[in-house]
Amino acid sequence: MMLTQGLLWGKKGLLRISGAPLTEAACTRELKARRTMLVLHQAPGYATLGGMVAQGIVGQRLYNNYSRELRNAHEGLATGITVTYFFTAALSLLAPPPMINRKKDHNSTTR
């Protein structure tokens, strides 16, 4: 379990203390929430990647031919990328942990 997941979802995590019990029904809801959050994590991730590519293109054009419009576009892309990047990270870091940890070798996640 990641640190953020432990702080929120652990046996003595913030959500457990505030009333989210560790029952079978609650675990089922948490797994649904986890799946939804991790599926939603993909779309802003791709949007962030696309924004980074676009910002690179606009940045190169800005470097070659400075204009206020290009500068504003570059700054707007930077703001959008920052927002989508942190939203994507939050969806991943704050998702409930899996119920079963299948990692047998602590050095590898491929097994």
C-alpha atoms as a PDB file:
ATOM      1  CA  MET A   1       0.000   0.000   0.000  1.00  0.00           C
ATOM      2  CA  MET A   2       1.352   3.409  -0.947  1.00  0.00           C
ATOM      3  CA  LEU A   3       1.887   6.033   1.739  1.00  0.00           C
ATOM      4  CA  THR A   4      -1.062   8.150   0.582  1.00  0.00           C
ATOM      5  CA  GLN A   5      -3.326   5.109   0.474  1.00  0.00           C
ATOM      6  CA  GLY A   6      -2.211   4.065   3.942  1.00  0.00           C
ATOM      7  CA  LEU A   7      -2.893   7.528   5.352  1.00  0.00           C
ATOM      8  CA  LEU A   8      -6.406   7.515   3.901  1.00  0.00           C
ATOM      9  CA  TRP A   9      -7.471   3.873   3.634  1.00  0.00           C
ATOM     10  CA  GLY A  10      -5.277   2.013   6.160  1.00  0.00           C
ATOM     11  CA  LYS A  11      -6.677   0.355   9.287  1.00  0.00           C
ATOM     12  CA  LYS A  12      -6.098   3.590  11.202  1.00  0.00           C
ATOM     13  CA  GLY A  13      -6.344   5.905   8.191  1.00  0.00           C
ATOM     14  CA  LEU A  14      -8.279   9.156   8.060  1.00  0.00           C
ATOM     15  CA  LEU A  15     -11.276   7.629   6.290  1.00  0.00           C
ATOM     16  CA  ARG A  16     -11.444   4.692   8.721  1.00  0.00           C
ATOM     17  CA  ILE A  17     -11.329   7.025  11.720  1.00  0.00           C
ATOM     18  CA  SER A  18     -14.010   9.275  10.215  1.00  0.00           C
ATOM     19  CA  GLY A  19     -16.477   6.416   9.795  1.00  0.00           C
ATOM     20  CA  ALA A  20     -15.679   4.363   6.682  1.00  0.00           C
ATOM     21  CA  PRO A  21     -15.869   0.847   8.154  1.00  0.00           C
ATOM     22  CA  LEU A  22     -13.931  -2.131   6.884  1.00  0.00           C
ATOM     23  CA  THR A  23     -16.928  -4.323   6.057  1.00  0.00           C
ATOM     24  CA  GLU A  24     -17.526  -6.508   3.012  1.00  0.00           C
ATOM     25  CA  ALA A  25     -20.079  -4.071   1.562  1.00  0.00           C
ATOM     26  CA  ALA A  26     -17.723  -1.135   2.124  1.00  0.00           C
ATOM     27  CA  CYS A  27     -14.870  -3.028   0.488  1.00  0.00           C
ATOM     28  CA  THR A  28     -17.061  -3.706  -2.548  1.00  0.00           C
ATOM     29  CA  ARG A  29     -17.855   0.020  -2.827  1.00  0.00           C
ATOM     30  CA  GLU A  30     -14.169   0.855  -2.432  1.00  0.00           C
ATOM     31  CA  LEU A  31     -13.220  -1.539  -5.224  1.00  0.00           C
ATOM     32  CA  LYS A  32     -15.809   0.080  -7.511  1.00  0.00           C
ATOM     33  CA  ALA A  33     -14.473   3.508  -6.574  1.00  0.00           C
ATOM     34  CA  ARG A  34     -10.904   2.298  -7.206  1.00  0.00           C
ATOM     35  CA  ARG A  35     -11.800   0.979 -10.644  1.00  0.00           C
ATOM     36  CA  THR A  36     -13.634   4.190 -11.566  1.00  0.00           C
ATOM     37  CA  MET A  37     -10.777   6.379 -10.354  1.00  0.00           C
ATOM     38  CA  LEU A  38      -8.121   4.399 -12.213  1.00  0.00           C
ATOM     39  CA  VAL A  39     -10.148   4.315 -15.442  1.00  0.00           C
ATOM     40  CA  LEU A  40     -10.762   8.065 -15.144  1.00  0.00           C
ATOM     41  CA  HIS A  41      -7.019   8.456 -14.489  1.00  0.00           C
ATOM     42  CA  GLN A  42      -6.296   7.485 -18.100  1.00  0.00           C
ATOM     43  CA  ALA A  43      -8.187  10.274 -19.909  1.00  0.00           C
ATOM     44  CA  PRO A  44      -6.526  13.234 -18.171  1.00  0.00           C
ATOM     45  CA  GLY A  45      -3.224  11.389 -18.508  1.00  0.00           C
ATOM     46  CA  TYR A  46      -3.583  11.346 -22.276  1.00  0.00           C
ATOM     47  CA  ALA A  47      -4.793  14.966 -22.204  1.00  0.00           C
ATOM     48  CA  THR A  48      -1.648  15.889 -20.252  1.00  0.00           C
ATOM     49  CA  LEU A  49       0.540  14.100 -22.784  1.00  0.00           C
ATOM     50  CA  GLY A  50      -1.207  15.864 -25.673  1.00  0.00           C
ATOM     51  CA  GLY A  51      -0.857  19.195 -23.905  1.00  0.00           C
ATOM     52  CA  MET A  52       2.864  18.623 -23.388  1.00  0.00           C
ATOM     53  CA  VAL A  53       3.343  17.880 -27.086  1.00  0.00           C
ATOM     54  CA  ALA A  54       1.295  20.957 -28.034  1.00  0.00           C
ATOM     55  CA  GLN A  55       3.254  23.121 -25.606  1.00  0.00           C
ATOM     56  CA  GLY A  56       6.508  21.887 -27.118  1.00  0.00           C
ATOM     57  CA  ILE A  57       5.307  22.838 -30.596  1.00  0.00           C
ATOM     58  CA  VAL A  58       4.021  26.239 -29.484  1.00  0.00           C
ATOM     59  CA  GLY A  59       7.193  26.811 -27.458  1.00  0.00           C
ATOM     60  CA  GLN A  60       9.370  26.185 -30.503  1.00  0.00           C
ATOM     61  CA  ARG A  61       7.277  28.561 -32.584  1.00  0.00           C
ATOM     62  CA  LEU A  62       7.472  31.124 -29.768  1.00  0.00           C
ATOM     63  CA  TYR A  63      11.257  30.763 -29.689  1.00  0.00           C
ATOM     64  CA  ASN A  64      11.510  31.304 -33.460  1.00  0.00           C
ATOM     65  CA  ASN A  65       8.938  34.128 -33.800  1.00  0.00           C
ATOM     66  CA  TYR A  66       7.907  35.885 -30.607  1.00  0.00           C
ATOM     67  CA  SER A  67       4.342  37.155 -30.488  1.00  0.00           C
ATOM     68  CA  ARG A  68       1.958  37.944 -27.654  1.00  0.00           C
ATOM     69  CA  GLU A  69      -0.601  35.423 -28.989  1.00  0.00           C
ATOM     70  CA  LEU A  70       1.938  32.583 -28.947  1.00  0.00           C
ATOM     71  CA  ARG A  71       3.076  33.593 -25.479  1.00  0.00           C
ATOM     72  CA  ASN A  72      -0.508  33.562 -24.191  1.00  0.00           C
ATOM     73  CA  ALA A  73      -1.137  30.184 -25.834  1.00  0.00           C
ATOM     74  CA  HIS A  74       2.057  28.786 -24.288  1.00  0.00           C
ATOM     75  CA  GLU A  75       1.100  30.055 -20.831  1.00  0.00           C
ATOM     76  CA  GLY A  76      -2.446  28.732 -21.187  1.00  0.00           C
ATOM     77  CA  LEU A  77      -1.146  25.316 -22.168  1.00  0.00           C
ATOM     78  CA  ALA A  78       1.206  25.345 -19.182  1.00  0.00           C
ATOM     79  CA  THR A  79      -1.701  26.076 -16.834  1.00  0.00           C
ATOM     80  CA  GLY A  80      -3.845  23.353 -18.401  1.00  0.00           C
ATOM     81  CA  ILE A  81      -1.018  20.827 -18.234  1.00  0.00           C
ATOM     82  CA  THR A  82      -0.384  21.624 -14.573  1.00  0.00           C
ATOM     83  CA  VAL A  83      -4.051  21.165 -13.683  1.00  0.00           C
ATOM     84  CA  THR A  84      -4.484  17.906 -15.616  1.00  0.00           C
ATOM     85  CA  TYR A  85      -1.167  16.538 -14.334  1.00  0.00           C
ATOM     86  CA  PHE A  86      -2.071  17.025 -10.685  1.00  0.00           C
ATOM     87  CA  PHE A  87      -5.665  15.836 -11.219  1.00  0.00           C
ATOM     88  CA  THR A  88      -4.297  12.669 -12.860  1.00  0.00           C
ATOM     89  CA  ALA A  89      -1.841  12.147 -10.011  1.00  0.00           C
ATOM     90  CA  ALA A  90      -4.577  12.662  -7.405  1.00  0.00           C
ATOM     91  CA  LEU A  91      -6.809  10.043  -9.043  1.00  0.00           C
ATOM     92  CA  SER A  92      -4.001   7.532  -8.805  1.00  0.00           C
ATOM     93  CA  LEU A  93      -2.586   8.423  -5.401  1.00  0.00           C
ATOM     94  CA  LEU A  94      -5.900   8.786  -3.584  1.00  0.00           C
ATOM     95  CA  ALA A  95      -7.607   5.684  -4.991  1.00  0.00           C
ATOM     96  CA  PRO A  96      -8.441   2.959  -2.482  1.00  0.00           C
ATOM     97  CA  PRO A  97      -5.818   0.205  -2.332  1.00  0.00           C
ATOM     98  CA  PRO A  98      -6.402  -3.207  -3.897  1.00  0.00           C
ATOM     99  CA  MET A  99      -7.859  -5.772  -1.541  1.00  0.00           C
ATOM    100  CA  ILE A 100      -5.182  -8.344  -2.396  1.00  0.00           C
ATOM    101  CA  ASN A 101      -1.536  -7.453  -2.838  1.00  0.00           C
ATOM    102  CA  ARG A 102      -0.307  -9.840  -5.522  1.00  0.00           C
ATOM    103  CA  LYS A 103       3.273  -8.634  -5.471  1.00  0.00           C
ATOM    104  CA  LYS A 104       5.401 -11.541  -4.238  1.00  0.00           C
ATOM    105  CA  ASP A 105       8.827 -10.137  -4.982  1.00  0.00           C
ATOM    106  CA  HIS A 106       9.243  -6.677  -3.476  1.00  0.00           C
ATOM    107  CA  ASN A 107      11.826  -5.749  -6.119  1.00  0.00           C
ATOM    108  CA  SER A 108       9.641  -6.433  -9.137  1.00  0.00           C
ATOM    109  CA  THR A 109       6.079  -5.490 -10.066  1.00  0.00           C
ATOM    110  CA  THR A 110       6.095  -7.641 -13.200  1.00  0.00           C
ATOM    111  CA  ARG A 111       5.420 -10.943 -11.445  1.00  0.00           C
END
